[in-house]
């Protein structure tokens, strides 16, 4: 248990150090991580929209096929 606590303390110190550091490399990494996160979020939104559009098209096709089948059955 002491090992886990020591690990948590050291990680916390490291995070505080990095957060307070105005190193150009650290700023670059933060910016890149932010950009990657934003890009992933945009991609996820796009894929969700495409999936919904595809699902809607499938539902429309099923409805149209059902209507045609009913019409054929009525005509028969």
C-alpha atoms as a PDB file:
ATOM      1  CA  UNK A   1       0.000   0.000   0.000  1.00  0.00           C
ATOM      2  CA  UNK A   2       2.857   2.384   0.752  1.00  0.00           C
ATOM      3  CA  UNK A   3       4.238   1.812  -2.711  1.00  0.00           C
ATOM      4  CA  UNK A   4       0.928   2.841  -4.303  1.00  0.00           C
ATOM      5  CA  UNK A   5       0.753   5.957  -2.136  1.00  0.00           C
ATOM      6  CA  UNK A   6       4.346   6.902  -3.002  1.00  0.00           C
ATOM      7  CA  UNK A   7       3.556   6.389  -6.693  1.00  0.00           C
ATOM      8  CA  UNK A   8       0.457   8.599  -6.444  1.00  0.00           C
ATOM      9  CA  UNK A   9       2.437  11.343  -4.657  1.00  0.00           C
ATOM     10  CA  UNK A  10       5.206  11.292  -7.273  1.00  0.00           C
ATOM     11  CA  UNK A  11       2.740  11.352 -10.167  1.00  0.00           C
ATOM     12  CA  UNK A  12       0.912  14.271  -8.544  1.00  0.00           C
ATOM     13  CA  UNK A  13       4.192  16.171  -8.142  1.00  0.00           C
ATOM     14  CA  UNK A  14       5.102  15.457 -11.757  1.00  0.00           C
ATOM     15  CA  UNK A  15       1.720  16.678 -13.000  1.00  0.00           C
ATOM     16  CA  UNK A  16       2.024  19.859 -10.952  1.00  0.00           C
ATOM     17  CA  UNK A  17       5.529  20.436 -12.296  1.00  0.00           C
ATOM     18  CA  UNK A  18       4.433  19.945 -15.885  1.00  0.00           C
ATOM     19  CA  UNK A  19       1.354  22.150 -15.415  1.00  0.00           C
ATOM     20  CA  UNK A  20       3.456  24.990 -13.993  1.00  0.00           C
ATOM     21  CA  UNK A  21       6.200  24.678 -16.581  1.00  0.00           C
ATOM     22  CA  UNK A  22       6.035  26.983 -19.586  1.00  0.00           C
ATOM     23  CA  UNK A  23       8.348  24.881 -21.681  1.00  0.00           C
ATOM     24  CA  UNK A  24       7.810  25.250 -25.452  1.00  0.00           C
ATOM     25  CA  UNK A  25       7.841  21.466 -25.881  1.00  0.00           C
ATOM     26  CA  UNK A  26       5.154  21.005 -23.250  1.00  0.00           C
ATOM     27  CA  UNK A  27       3.025  23.719 -24.889  1.00  0.00           C
ATOM     28  CA  UNK A  28       3.461  21.997 -28.256  1.00  0.00           C
ATOM     29  CA  UNK A  29       2.411  18.642 -26.819  1.00  0.00           C
ATOM     30  CA  UNK A  30      -0.654  20.179 -25.140  1.00  0.00           C
ATOM     31  CA  UNK A  31      -1.675  21.925 -28.353  1.00  0.00           C
ATOM     32  CA  UNK A  32      -1.221  18.745 -30.359  1.00  0.00           C
ATOM     33  CA  UNK A  33      -3.220  16.697 -27.857  1.00  0.00           C
ATOM     34  CA  UNK A  34      -5.999  19.284 -27.963  1.00  0.00           C
ATOM     35  CA  UNK A  35      -6.010  19.269 -31.772  1.00  0.00           C
ATOM     36  CA  UNK A  36      -6.059  15.472 -31.893  1.00  0.00           C
ATOM     37  CA  UNK A  37      -8.928  15.374 -29.396  1.00  0.00           C
ATOM     38  CA  UNK A  38     -10.867  17.962 -31.412  1.00  0.00           C
ATOM     39  CA  UNK A  39     -10.250  16.031 -34.636  1.00  0.00           C
ATOM     40  CA  UNK A  40     -11.381  12.774 -33.053  1.00  0.00           C
ATOM     41  CA  UNK A  41     -14.530  14.467 -31.772  1.00  0.00           C
ATOM     42  CA  UNK A  42     -15.314  15.875 -35.233  1.00  0.00           C
ATOM     43  CA  UNK A  43     -14.741  12.460 -36.795  1.00  0.00           C
ATOM     44  CA  UNK A  44     -17.021  10.803 -34.240  1.00  0.00           C
ATOM     45  CA  UNK A  45     -19.771  13.354 -34.921  1.00  0.00           C
ATOM     46  CA  UNK A  46     -19.404  12.842 -38.680  1.00  0.00           C
ATOM     47  CA  UNK A  47     -19.584   9.058 -38.352  1.00  0.00           C
ATOM     48  CA  UNK A  48     -22.627   9.304 -36.105  1.00  0.00           C
ATOM     49  CA  UNK A  49     -24.360  11.543 -38.643  1.00  0.00           C
ATOM     50  CA  UNK A  50     -23.494   9.173 -41.487  1.00  0.00           C
ATOM     51  CA  UNK A  51     -24.763   6.211 -39.492  1.00  0.00           C
ATOM     52  CA  UNK A  52     -28.037   7.977 -38.766  1.00  0.00           C
ATOM     53  CA  UNK A  53     -28.372   8.929 -42.431  1.00  0.00           C
ATOM     54  CA  UNK A  54     -27.692   5.330 -43.493  1.00  0.00           C
ATOM     55  CA  UNK A  55     -30.172   3.998 -40.947  1.00  0.00           C
ATOM     56  CA  UNK A  56     -32.782   6.434 -42.239  1.00  0.00           C
ATOM     57  CA  UNK A  57     -32.195   5.310 -45.813  1.00  0.00           C
ATOM     58  CA  UNK A  58     -32.549   1.667 -44.818  1.00  0.00           C
ATOM     59  CA  UNK A  59     -35.813   2.417 -43.004  1.00  0.00           C
ATOM     60  CA  UNK A  60     -37.086   4.330 -46.051  1.00  0.00           C
ATOM     61  CA  UNK A  61     -36.185   1.410 -48.335  1.00  0.00           C
ATOM     62  CA  UNK A  62     -37.939  -1.077 -46.057  1.00  0.00           C
ATOM     63  CA  UNK A  63     -41.050   1.117 -45.933  1.00  0.00           C
ATOM     64  CA  UNK A  64     -41.080   1.503 -49.726  1.00  0.00           C
ATOM     65  CA  UNK A  65     -40.642  -2.252 -50.268  1.00  0.00           C
ATOM     66  CA  UNK A  66     -43.436  -2.976 -47.797  1.00  0.00           C
ATOM     67  CA  UNK A  67     -45.781  -0.535 -49.580  1.00  0.00           C
ATOM     68  CA  UNK A  68     -45.005  -2.145 -52.949  1.00  0.00           C
ATOM     69  CA  UNK A  69     -45.645  -5.623 -51.549  1.00  0.00           C
ATOM     70  CA  UNK A  70     -48.980  -4.492 -50.094  1.00  0.00           C
ATOM     71  CA  UNK A  71     -49.970  -2.938 -53.434  1.00  0.00           C
ATOM     72  CA  UNK A  72     -49.101  -6.167 -55.258  1.00  0.00           C
ATOM     73  CA  UNK A  73     -51.111  -8.180 -52.746  1.00  0.00           C
ATOM     74  CA  UNK A  74     -54.091  -5.837 -53.162  1.00  0.00           C
ATOM     75  CA  UNK A  75     -53.897  -6.107 -56.945  1.00  0.00           C
ATOM     76  CA  UNK A  76     -53.695  -9.911 -56.828  1.00  0.00           C
END
